[in-house]
Amino acid sequence: MPEGNPVRVPDDGLTTRARRNTPVLAVHTGDGKGKSTAAFGMALRAWNAGLRVAVFQFVKSAKWKVGEEAAFGHLGRLHDEHGVGGAVEWHKMGAGWSWTRKAGSEVDHAAAAADGWAEIARRLAAQRHDFYVLDEFTYPLAWGWVDVDEVVEALTARPGHQHVVITGRNAPARLLDAADLVTEMTKVKHPMDAGRKGQKGIEW
């Protein structure tokens, strides 16, 4: 995309304006750090443009307070009290889960993930938000907790002008095929390789 211009203009009958305003389905995947960070950066742009932003976290522990959650909470209050930016909602789906703490059975977590997706599907159908971040949603898809075909069908048929960004490793091929924008984060080097634990302000 030299100088922000597309390499090829498709013969799809759409005007430049209509093509530019097509809602985007994006997937950030790969083993490298930065998938969620990039999605939250896009959400920040969406908030500044006045779009209604909703974040749904699927894997991190419900007790884990990430810095972006606090920041977007402030931005949501700024909108509610002063009309600046867009409305913000932040949801942790189910009881939460992380690689280090796993309370409850796998069946419990699968059911919570399925319920979480069902709620998102309802919101998509109702055009509740303008910009969705489904953070680490690839994991319940890869584990078979949520049906990939059902998700792809709902996302590709979503009405209105709703952007969706999905993050996580091992994104299913069917989801990648359906996406408009796919970015794979490749790890070249990481402080944890040298035995350094995550730091406040960097990892959360």
C-alpha atoms as a PDB file:
ATOM      1  CA  MET A   1       0.000   0.000   0.000  1.00  0.00           C
ATOM      2  CA  PRO A   2       2.385   2.757  -1.150  1.00  0.00           C
ATOM      3  CA  GLU A   3       1.452   6.176   0.239  1.00  0.00           C
ATOM      4  CA  GLY A   4      -1.790   4.759   1.630  1.00  0.00           C
ATOM      5  CA  ASN A   5      -3.165   3.810  -1.788  1.00  0.00           C
ATOM      6  CA  PRO A   6      -4.372   0.288  -2.619  1.00  0.00           C
ATOM      7  CA  VAL A   7      -2.207  -1.725  -4.996  1.00  0.00           C
ATOM      8  CA  ARG A   8      -5.277  -2.868  -6.945  1.00  0.00           C
ATOM      9  CA  VAL A   9      -8.776  -1.412  -7.253  1.00  0.00           C
ATOM     10  CA  PRO A  10     -11.324  -4.232  -7.651  1.00  0.00           C
ATOM     11  CA  ASP A  11     -14.052  -4.089 -10.273  1.00  0.00           C
ATOM     12  CA  ASP A  12     -16.808  -4.540  -7.698  1.00  0.00           C
ATOM     13  CA  GLY A  13     -19.164  -1.762  -8.699  1.00  0.00           C
ATOM     14  CA  LEU A  14     -18.559   0.159  -5.479  1.00  0.00           C
ATOM     15  CA  THR A  15     -17.578   3.798  -5.258  1.00  0.00           C
ATOM     16  CA  THR A  16     -14.312   4.772  -3.591  1.00  0.00           C
ATOM     17  CA  ARG A  17     -16.302   6.133  -0.643  1.00  0.00           C
ATOM     18  CA  ALA A  18     -18.361   2.938  -0.271  1.00  0.00           C
ATOM     19  CA  ARG A  19     -15.262   0.758  -0.449  1.00  0.00           C
ATOM     20  CA  ARG A  20     -13.471   2.921   2.117  1.00  0.00           C
ATOM     21  CA  ASN A  21     -16.408   2.698   4.518  1.00  0.00           C
ATOM     22  CA  THR A  22     -16.739  -1.096   4.395  1.00  0.00           C
ATOM     23  CA  PRO A  23     -16.581  -2.447   7.966  1.00  0.00           C
ATOM     24  CA  VAL A  24     -13.395  -4.329   8.799  1.00  0.00           C
ATOM     25  CA  LEU A  25     -12.900  -7.770  10.321  1.00  0.00           C
ATOM     26  CA  ALA A  26      -9.309  -7.923  11.589  1.00  0.00           C
ATOM     27  CA  VAL A  27      -7.344 -10.764  13.167  1.00  0.00           C
ATOM     28  CA  HIS A  28      -4.098 -10.319  15.117  1.00  0.00           C
ATOM     29  CA  THR A  29      -2.450 -13.704  15.584  1.00  0.00           C
ATOM     30  CA  GLY A  30       0.996 -15.309  15.858  1.00  0.00           C
ATOM     31  CA  ASP A  31       3.416 -16.152  18.679  1.00  0.00           C
ATOM     32  CA  GLY A  32       4.807 -12.647  19.154  1.00  0.00           C
ATOM     33  CA  LYS A  33       3.861 -10.050  21.763  1.00  0.00           C
ATOM     34  CA  GLY A  34       1.605  -7.153  20.799  1.00  0.00           C
ATOM     35  CA  LYS A  35      -1.611  -8.685  19.461  1.00  0.00           C
ATOM     36  CA  SER A  36      -3.899  -7.255  22.129  1.00  0.00           C
ATOM     37  CA  THR A  37      -1.847  -4.071  22.368  1.00  0.00           C
ATOM     38  CA  ALA A  38      -2.378  -3.397  18.668  1.00  0.00           C
ATOM     39  CA  ALA A  39      -6.108  -4.094  18.990  1.00  0.00           C
ATOM     40  CA  PHE A  40      -6.432  -1.665  21.899  1.00  0.00           C
ATOM     41  CA  GLY A  41      -4.559   0.930  19.862  1.00  0.00           C
ATOM     42  CA  MET A  42      -7.171   0.553  17.117  1.00  0.00           C
ATOM     43  CA  ALA A  43      -9.899   0.808  19.759  1.00  0.00           C
ATOM     44  CA  LEU A  44      -8.369   4.070  20.964  1.00  0.00           C
ATOM     45  CA  ARG A  45      -8.611   5.475  17.442  1.00  0.00           C
ATOM     46  CA  ALA A  46     -12.214   4.270  17.241  1.00  0.00           C
ATOM     47  CA  TRP A  47     -13.055   5.959  20.554  1.00  0.00           C
ATOM     48  CA  ASN A  48     -11.519   9.220  19.348  1.00  0.00           C
ATOM     49  CA  ALA A  49     -13.676   9.008  16.198  1.00  0.00           C
ATOM     50  CA  GLY A  50     -16.776   8.774  18.397  1.00  0.00           C
ATOM     51  CA  LEU A  51     -17.415   5.069  17.769  1.00  0.00           C
ATOM     52  CA  ARG A  52     -19.042   2.949  20.457  1.00  0.00           C
ATOM     53  CA  VAL A  53     -16.305   0.606  21.686  1.00  0.00           C
ATOM     54  CA  ALA A  54     -16.797  -2.758  23.413  1.00  0.00           C
ATOM     55  CA  VAL A  55     -14.015  -5.055  24.634  1.00  0.00           C
ATOM     56  CA  PHE A  56     -14.658  -8.715  25.448  1.00  0.00           C
ATOM     57  CA  GLN A  57     -11.796 -10.613  27.103  1.00  0.00           C
ATOM     58  CA  PHE A  58     -12.028 -14.385  26.885  1.00  0.00           C
ATOM     59  CA  VAL A  59      -8.911 -15.901  28.433  1.00  0.00           C
ATOM     60  CA  LYS A  60      -7.251 -13.673  31.007  1.00  0.00           C
ATOM     61  CA  SER A  61      -8.317 -14.118  34.609  1.00  0.00           C
ATOM     62  CA  ALA A  62     -11.334 -12.038  35.611  1.00  0.00           C
ATOM     63  CA  LYS A  63      -9.216 -10.752  38.531  1.00  0.00           C
ATOM     64  CA  TRP A  64      -6.385  -9.599  36.268  1.00  0.00           C
ATOM     65  CA  LYS A  65      -6.576  -5.817  35.916  1.00  0.00           C
ATOM     66  CA  VAL A  66      -4.869  -4.717  32.718  1.00  0.00           C
ATOM     67  CA  GLY A  67      -3.783  -1.134  32.188  1.00  0.00           C
ATOM     68  CA  GLU A  68      -5.936  -0.713  29.092  1.00  0.00           C
ATOM     69  CA  GLU A  69      -9.059  -1.575  31.066  1.00  0.00           C
ATOM     70  CA  ALA A  70      -8.433   1.270  33.516  1.00  0.00           C
ATOM     71  CA  ALA A  71      -7.585   3.696  30.716  1.00  0.00           C
ATOM     72  CA  PHE A  72     -10.694   2.868  28.706  1.00  0.00           C
ATOM     73  CA  GLY A  73     -12.755   3.139  31.875  1.00  0.00           C
ATOM     74  CA  HIS A  74     -11.610   6.753  32.181  1.00  0.00           C
ATOM     75  CA  LEU A  75     -12.364   7.360  28.515  1.00  0.00           C
ATOM     76  CA  GLY A  76     -15.830   5.915  28.934  1.00  0.00           C
ATOM     77  CA  ARG A  77     -16.532   8.263  31.834  1.00  0.00           C
ATOM     78  CA  LEU A  78     -15.174  11.164  29.777  1.00  0.00           C
ATOM     79  CA  HIS A  79     -17.743  10.328  27.121  1.00  0.00           C
ATOM     80  CA  ASP A  80     -20.596   9.869  29.602  1.00  0.00           C
ATOM     81  CA  GLU A  81     -19.895  13.102  31.474  1.00  0.00           C
ATOM     82  CA  HIS A  82     -18.676  15.410  28.699  1.00  0.00           C
ATOM     83  CA  GLY A  83     -19.701  13.830  25.397  1.00  0.00           C
ATOM     84  CA  VAL A  84     -16.104  13.361  24.285  1.00  0.00           C
ATOM     85  CA  GLY A  85     -15.201  10.346  22.155  1.00  0.00           C
ATOM     86  CA  GLY A  86     -17.416   7.268  22.106  1.00  0.00           C
ATOM     87  CA  ALA A  87     -19.152   5.091  24.674  1.00  0.00           C
ATOM     88  CA  VAL A  88     -17.050   2.277  26.175  1.00  0.00           C
ATOM     89  CA  GLU A  89     -17.918  -1.130  27.615  1.00  0.00           C
ATOM     90  CA  TRP A  90     -15.427  -3.688  28.955  1.00  0.00           C
ATOM     91  CA  HIS A  91     -16.476  -7.270  29.679  1.00  0.00           C
ATOM     92  CA  LYS A  92     -14.666 -10.332  31.013  1.00  0.00           C
ATOM     93  CA  MET A  93     -16.518 -13.310  29.640  1.00  0.00           C
ATOM     94  CA  GLY A  94     -17.426 -15.999  32.152  1.00  0.00           C
ATOM     95  CA  ALA A  95     -15.250 -16.553  35.203  1.00  0.00           C
ATOM     96  CA  GLY A  96     -12.027 -15.744  33.413  1.00  0.00           C
ATOM     97  CA  TRP A  97      -9.122 -18.073  32.729  1.00  0.00           C
ATOM     98  CA  SER A  98      -5.380 -17.765  32.418  1.00  0.00           C
ATOM     99  CA  TRP A  99      -2.470 -20.058  31.759  1.00  0.00           C
ATOM    100  CA  THR A 100      -1.409 -19.814  35.406  1.00  0.00           C
ATOM    101  CA  ARG A 101      -4.771 -20.041  37.189  1.00  0.00           C
ATOM    102  CA  LYS A 102      -7.578 -22.305  36.074  1.00  0.00           C
ATOM    103  CA  ALA A 103     -10.468 -22.490  38.529  1.00  0.00           C
ATOM    104  CA  GLY A 104     -13.333 -24.749  37.564  1.00  0.00           C
ATOM    105  CA  SER A 105     -13.471 -27.566  35.021  1.00  0.00           C
ATOM    106  CA  GLU A 106     -12.864 -27.380  31.298  1.00  0.00           C
ATOM    107  CA  VAL A 107     -16.582 -27.967  30.798  1.00  0.00           C
ATOM    108  CA  ASP A 108     -17.317 -24.871  32.919  1.00  0.00           C
ATOM    109  CA  HIS A 109     -14.935 -22.737  30.879  1.00  0.00           C
ATOM    110  CA  ALA A 110     -16.256 -24.068  27.580  1.00  0.00           C
ATOM    111  CA  ALA A 111     -19.800 -23.206  28.635  1.00  0.00           C
ATOM    112  CA  ALA A 112     -18.741 -19.719  29.755  1.00  0.00           C
ATOM    113  CA  ALA A 113     -16.983 -19.109  26.434  1.00  0.00           C
ATOM    114  CA  ALA A 114     -20.029 -20.288  24.486  1.00  0.00           C
ATOM    115  CA  ASP A 115     -22.283 -18.019  26.546  1.00  0.00           C
ATOM    116  CA  GLY A 116     -19.901 -15.131  25.968  1.00  0.00           C
ATOM    117  CA  TRP A 117     -19.954 -15.642  22.211  1.00  0.00           C
ATOM    118  CA  ALA A 118     -23.763 -15.933  22.233  1.00  0.00           C
ATOM    119  CA  GLU A 119     -23.962 -12.520  23.915  1.00  0.00           C
ATOM    120  CA  ILE A 120     -21.623 -10.996  21.329  1.00  0.00           C
ATOM    121  CA  ALA A 121     -23.671 -12.513  18.495  1.00  0.00           C
ATOM    122  CA  ARG A 122     -26.809 -10.921  19.954  1.00  0.00           C
ATOM    123  CA  ARG A 123     -25.076  -7.550  20.134  1.00  0.00           C
ATOM    124  CA  LEU A 124     -23.839  -7.835  16.554  1.00  0.00           C
ATOM    125  CA  ALA A 125     -27.357  -8.613  15.357  1.00  0.00           C
ATOM    126  CA  ALA A 126     -28.685  -5.602  17.298  1.00  0.00           C
ATOM    127  CA  GLN A 127     -25.808  -3.354  16.111  1.00  0.00           C
ATOM    128  CA  ARG A 128     -25.130  -2.492  19.754  1.00  0.00           C
ATOM    129  CA  HIS A 129     -21.555  -1.264  19.209  1.00  0.00           C
ATOM    130  CA  ASP A 130     -19.426   0.130  16.394  1.00  0.00           C
ATOM    131  CA  PHE A 131     -16.052  -1.370  17.318  1.00  0.00           C
ATOM    132  CA  TYR A 132     -15.552  -4.756  19.013  1.00  0.00           C
ATOM    133  CA  VAL A 133     -12.348  -6.196  20.441  1.00  0.00           C
ATOM    134  CA  LEU A 134     -12.645  -9.951  21.030  1.00  0.00           C
ATOM    135  CA  ASP A 135      -9.453 -10.343  23.014  1.00  0.00           C
ATOM    136  CA  GLU A 136      -7.859 -13.818  22.931  1.00  0.00           C
ATOM    137  CA  PHE A 137     -10.977 -15.205  21.285  1.00  0.00           C
ATOM    138  CA  THR A 138      -8.908 -17.514  19.064  1.00  0.00           C
ATOM    139  CA  TYR A 139      -8.302 -19.833  22.029  1.00  0.00           C
ATOM    140  CA  PRO A 140     -11.903 -20.972  22.616  1.00  0.00           C
ATOM    141  CA  LEU A 141     -12.172 -21.361  18.837  1.00  0.00           C
ATOM    142  CA  ALA A 142      -9.007 -23.477  18.612  1.00  0.00           C
ATOM    143  CA  TRP A 143     -10.054 -25.580  21.621  1.00  0.00           C
ATOM    144  CA  GLY A 144     -13.465 -26.302  20.113  1.00  0.00           C
ATOM    145  CA  TRP A 145     -15.351 -24.462  22.843  1.00  0.00           C
ATOM    146  CA  VAL A 146     -17.033 -22.203  20.277  1.00  0.00           C
ATOM    147  CA  ASP A 147     -17.970 -23.344  16.762  1.00  0.00           C
ATOM    148  CA  VAL A 148     -15.753 -21.646  14.155  1.00  0.00           C
ATOM    149  CA  ASP A 149     -18.286 -21.949  11.337  1.00  0.00           C
ATOM    150  CA  GLU A 150     -20.979 -20.320  13.464  1.00  0.00           C
ATOM    151  CA  VAL A 151     -18.650 -17.453  14.363  1.00  0.00           C
ATOM    152  CA  VAL A 152     -17.547 -16.855  10.775  1.00  0.00           C
ATOM    153  CA  GLU A 153     -21.138 -16.907   9.559  1.00  0.00           C
ATOM    154  CA  ALA A 154     -22.221 -14.350  12.170  1.00  0.00           C
ATOM    155  CA  LEU A 155     -19.233 -12.099  11.538  1.00  0.00           C
ATOM    156  CA  THR A 156     -19.509 -12.098   7.751  1.00  0.00           C
ATOM    157  CA  ALA A 157     -23.281 -11.474   7.924  1.00  0.00           C
ATOM    158  CA  ARG A 158     -23.111  -8.774  10.591  1.00  0.00           C
ATOM    159  CA  PRO A 159     -25.381  -5.849   9.706  1.00  0.00           C
ATOM    160  CA  GLY A 160     -24.582  -2.154   9.585  1.00  0.00           C
ATOM    161  CA  HIS A 161     -21.094  -0.755  10.026  1.00  0.00           C
ATOM    162  CA  GLN A 162     -19.488  -2.769  12.833  1.00  0.00           C
ATOM    163  CA  HIS A 163     -15.723  -3.278  13.009  1.00  0.00           C
ATOM    164  CA  VAL A 164     -14.431  -6.409  14.778  1.00  0.00           C
ATOM    165  CA  VAL A 165     -10.851  -7.166  15.874  1.00  0.00           C
ATOM    166  CA  ILE A 166      -9.983 -10.640  17.161  1.00  0.00           C
ATOM    167  CA  THR A 167      -6.702 -11.470  18.908  1.00  0.00           C
ATOM    168  CA  GLY A 168      -4.871 -14.624  19.959  1.00  0.00           C
ATOM    169  CA  ARG A 169      -2.529 -17.336  18.768  1.00  0.00           C
ATOM    170  CA  ASN A 170      -3.431 -20.153  16.385  1.00  0.00           C
ATOM    171  CA  ALA A 171      -6.305 -18.390  14.650  1.00  0.00           C
ATOM    172  CA  PRO A 172      -8.328 -20.965  12.667  1.00  0.00           C
ATOM    173  CA  ALA A 173      -7.817 -20.918   8.896  1.00  0.00           C
ATOM    174  CA  ARG A 174     -11.526 -20.339   8.243  1.00  0.00           C
ATOM    175  CA  LEU A 175     -11.413 -17.158  10.342  1.00  0.00           C
ATOM    176  CA  LEU A 176      -8.283 -15.936   8.546  1.00  0.00           C
ATOM    177  CA  ASP A 177      -9.946 -16.533   5.185  1.00  0.00           C
ATOM    178  CA  ALA A 178     -12.980 -14.472   6.235  1.00  0.00           C
ATOM    179  CA  ALA A 179     -10.944 -11.566   7.638  1.00  0.00           C
ATOM    180  CA  ASP A 180     -10.196  -8.358   5.755  1.00  0.00           C
ATOM    181  CA  LEU A 181      -7.019  -7.660   7.709  1.00  0.00           C
ATOM    182  CA  VAL A 182      -4.697 -10.322   9.129  1.00  0.00           C
ATOM    183  CA  THR A 183      -1.495  -9.509  11.010  1.00  0.00           C
ATOM    184  CA  GLU A 184       0.829 -12.193  12.339  1.00  0.00           C
ATOM    185  CA  MET A 185       3.064 -11.145  15.215  1.00  0.00           C
ATOM    186  CA  THR A 186       6.394 -12.957  14.978  1.00  0.00           C
ATOM    187  CA  LYS A 187       8.592 -13.195  18.045  1.00  0.00           C
ATOM    188  CA  VAL A 188      12.186 -12.335  17.298  1.00  0.00           C
ATOM    189  CA  LYS A 189      13.306 -11.686  20.870  1.00  0.00           C
ATOM    190  CA  HIS A 190      11.553 -11.371  24.248  1.00  0.00           C
ATOM    191  CA  PRO A 191      12.787 -10.426  27.749  1.00  0.00           C
ATOM    192  CA  MET A 192      11.251 -13.625  29.131  1.00  0.00           C
ATOM    193  CA  ASP A 193      13.748 -15.581  27.023  1.00  0.00           C
ATOM    194  CA  ALA A 194      16.386 -14.177  29.389  1.00  0.00           C
ATOM    195  CA  GLY A 195      14.362 -15.098  32.474  1.00  0.00           C
ATOM    196  CA  ARG A 196      12.857 -11.654  33.049  1.00  0.00           C
ATOM    197  CA  LYS A 197       9.266 -11.599  34.265  1.00  0.00           C
ATOM    198  CA  GLY A 198       6.609  -9.251  32.928  1.00  0.00           C
ATOM    199  CA  GLN A 199       6.733  -5.654  34.135  1.00  0.00           C
ATOM    200  CA  LYS A 200       4.008  -3.261  35.132  1.00  0.00           C
ATOM    201  CA  GLY A 201       3.492  -0.743  32.354  1.00  0.00           C
ATOM    202  CA  ILE A 202       4.888  -3.174  29.748  1.00  0.00           C
ATOM    203  CA  GLU A 203       2.900  -6.408  30.136  1.00  0.00           C
ATOM    204  CA  TRP A 204      -0.167  -5.013  31.930  1.00  0.00           C
END
